[in-house]
Structure formats: C-alpha cells, structure tokens
Amino acid sequence: MIIYISGPMTKHKDNDYNRAAFYAAEKHLTEQGHIVLNPAYTPDGLTLEQYLRIDLVLVEIADAIYMLKEWEESTGANAEYAHALLHQKQILYEEGEDDESLES
C-alpha cells in the first residue's frame, strides 16, 4: 500500500519541523512493507500554499493517509485529511488514536 504521512510541522519550527516523528513513522510503515510518501523531505523555505500544492498531489497518489499525533492542530494536516476524505482514501492513525491504526 502507498501511504502518505500527515502531521504537524510548522508549529515545531524550533524542533526541525517535527521531522523525527515523520522519519520514525516512515521507518515503521516501511518495515511493514508499505511504500511511504514522506513530506519531511520537502526543502525548507516554501510557503504553506506551496507545500500544500505538493502534498495534496501526494495524497492523491497514496492509497491511505497516516495521521501523526496532534494532526488536528495543524492547518496543513487538516487540509490533507479533508483531501483524503474527498478522494476516499483510507485514514490511518498513529498509535493511541481511536480509529484504525497500523500499529502492531
């Protein structure tokens, strides 16, 4: 399955944009045999609108979207979530969320 990772980045500007959480999720999902689309590899310096233009295309390519913890607090992750719903993508959640999870 092709999975796009979504979660808060901008609010973690002082902590390398939360990239560690994205890399950990990528490792976990890859170990389960999935192809992972990870926005943490996008270069710094673009506007939110530019990031969203890239990310929404990646959501469309994916079979599912994997929501990291605290995604609800992110403007970008909320847009990605809505886009995933619009395109009838499977929604997965990091461990500890109420809905479907890929955690072992």
Protein backbone atom coordinates (compact mmCIF):
# COMPACT_ATOMS: atom_id res chain seq x y z
CA MET A 1 0.00 0.00 0.00
CA ILE A 2 1.18 3.55 -0.70
CA ILE A 3 0.82 5.69 2.44
CA TYR A 4 1.23 9.45 2.83
CA ILE A 5 2.31 10.70 6.29
CA SER A 6 0.47 13.75 7.62
CA GLY A 7 1.05 15.67 10.82
CA PRO A 8 2.11 18.93 12.41
CA MET A 9 5.28 20.55 11.13
CA THR A 10 5.07 24.35 11.24
CA LYS A 11 4.32 24.55 14.96
CA HIS A 12 7.51 22.54 15.55
CA LYS A 13 9.73 25.02 13.71
CA ASP A 14 12.20 25.13 16.62
CA ASN A 15 12.40 21.32 16.66
CA ASP A 16 13.36 20.72 12.99
CA TYR A 17 9.71 20.85 11.96
CA ASN A 18 8.89 17.56 13.71
CA ARG A 19 10.89 15.62 11.14
CA ALA A 20 11.92 12.98 13.70
CA ALA A 21 8.27 11.92 14.10
CA PHE A 22 7.87 11.71 10.31
CA TYR A 23 11.07 9.67 9.93
CA ALA A 24 10.02 7.30 12.72
CA ALA A 25 6.61 6.78 11.09
CA GLU A 26 8.28 6.21 7.73
CA LYS A 27 10.58 3.56 9.23
CA HIS A 28 7.65 1.82 10.93
CA LEU A 29 5.49 1.80 7.80
CA THR A 30 8.34 0.76 5.51
CA GLU A 31 9.17 -2.15 7.82
CA GLN A 32 5.57 -3.29 7.36
CA GLY A 33 6.15 -3.40 3.60
CA HIS A 34 4.45 -0.14 2.58
CA ILE A 35 5.64 2.50 0.14
CA VAL A 36 5.81 5.74 2.11
CA LEU A 37 5.38 9.31 0.86
CA ASN A 38 7.06 11.49 3.47
CA PRO A 39 6.68 15.30 3.28
CA ALA A 40 9.58 15.75 5.71
CA TYR A 41 11.90 15.51 2.72
CA THR A 42 10.48 18.68 1.20
CA PRO A 43 13.04 21.51 1.42
CA ASP A 44 12.61 24.40 3.84
CA GLY A 45 11.66 27.84 2.59
CA LEU A 46 8.40 27.33 0.69
CA THR A 47 5.10 28.94 1.67
CA LEU A 48 2.28 26.95 3.26
CA GLU A 49 0.38 27.21 -0.01
CA GLN A 50 3.33 25.80 -1.97
CA TYR A 51 3.73 22.90 0.46
CA LEU A 52 0.02 22.12 0.22
CA ARG A 53 0.11 22.09 -3.57
CA ILE A 54 2.83 19.43 -3.40
CA ASP A 55 1.30 17.50 -0.53
CA LEU A 56 -2.23 17.29 -1.93
CA VAL A 57 -0.87 15.67 -5.09
CA LEU A 58 0.94 13.13 -2.91
CA VAL A 59 -2.30 12.43 -1.02
CA GLU A 60 -3.99 11.73 -4.37
CA ILE A 61 -1.22 9.25 -5.32
CA ALA A 62 -1.48 7.42 -1.99
CA ASP A 63 -3.89 4.63 -1.09
CA ALA A 64 -4.03 5.83 2.51
CA ILE A 65 -3.03 8.73 4.75
CA TYR A 66 -1.33 8.14 8.11
CA MET A 67 -2.18 10.82 10.66
CA LEU A 68 0.51 11.53 13.26
CA LYS A 69 -0.42 12.56 16.79
CA GLU A 70 -1.54 16.18 17.15
CA TRP A 71 -2.53 16.36 13.48
CA GLU A 72 -5.75 18.13 14.47
CA GLU A 73 -3.69 21.19 15.50
CA SER A 74 -2.13 21.57 12.03
CA THR A 75 -3.69 23.63 9.25
CA GLY A 76 -1.83 21.63 6.63
CA ALA A 77 -2.69 18.24 8.12
CA ASN A 78 -6.36 19.23 8.33
CA ALA A 79 -6.30 20.17 4.64
CA GLU A 80 -4.60 16.86 3.79
CA TYR A 81 -7.15 14.95 5.88
CA ALA A 82 -10.07 16.68 4.12
CA HIS A 83 -8.46 15.99 0.73
CA ALA A 84 -8.01 12.33 1.65
CA LEU A 85 -11.68 12.08 2.63
CA LEU A 86 -12.72 13.79 -0.61
CA HIS A 87 -10.71 11.24 -2.59
CA GLN A 88 -11.96 8.32 -0.46
CA LYS A 89 -8.54 7.38 0.90
CA GLN A 90 -8.14 5.04 3.84
CA ILE A 91 -7.41 7.04 7.01
CA LEU A 92 -4.91 5.53 9.45
CA TYR A 93 -3.81 6.94 12.78
CA GLU A 94 -0.67 6.77 14.83
CA GLU A 95 -0.97 4.51 17.87
CA GLY A 96 -3.13 5.96 20.60
CA GLU A 97 -5.80 7.36 18.28
CA ASP A 98 -9.33 5.98 18.34
CA ASP A 99 -9.69 4.93 14.70
CA GLU A 100 -7.87 2.46 12.51
CA SER A 101 -4.18 2.08 13.16
CA LEU A 102 -1.34 0.14 11.56
CA GLU A 103 0.46 -0.28 14.86
CA SER A 104 1.48 -3.83 15.73
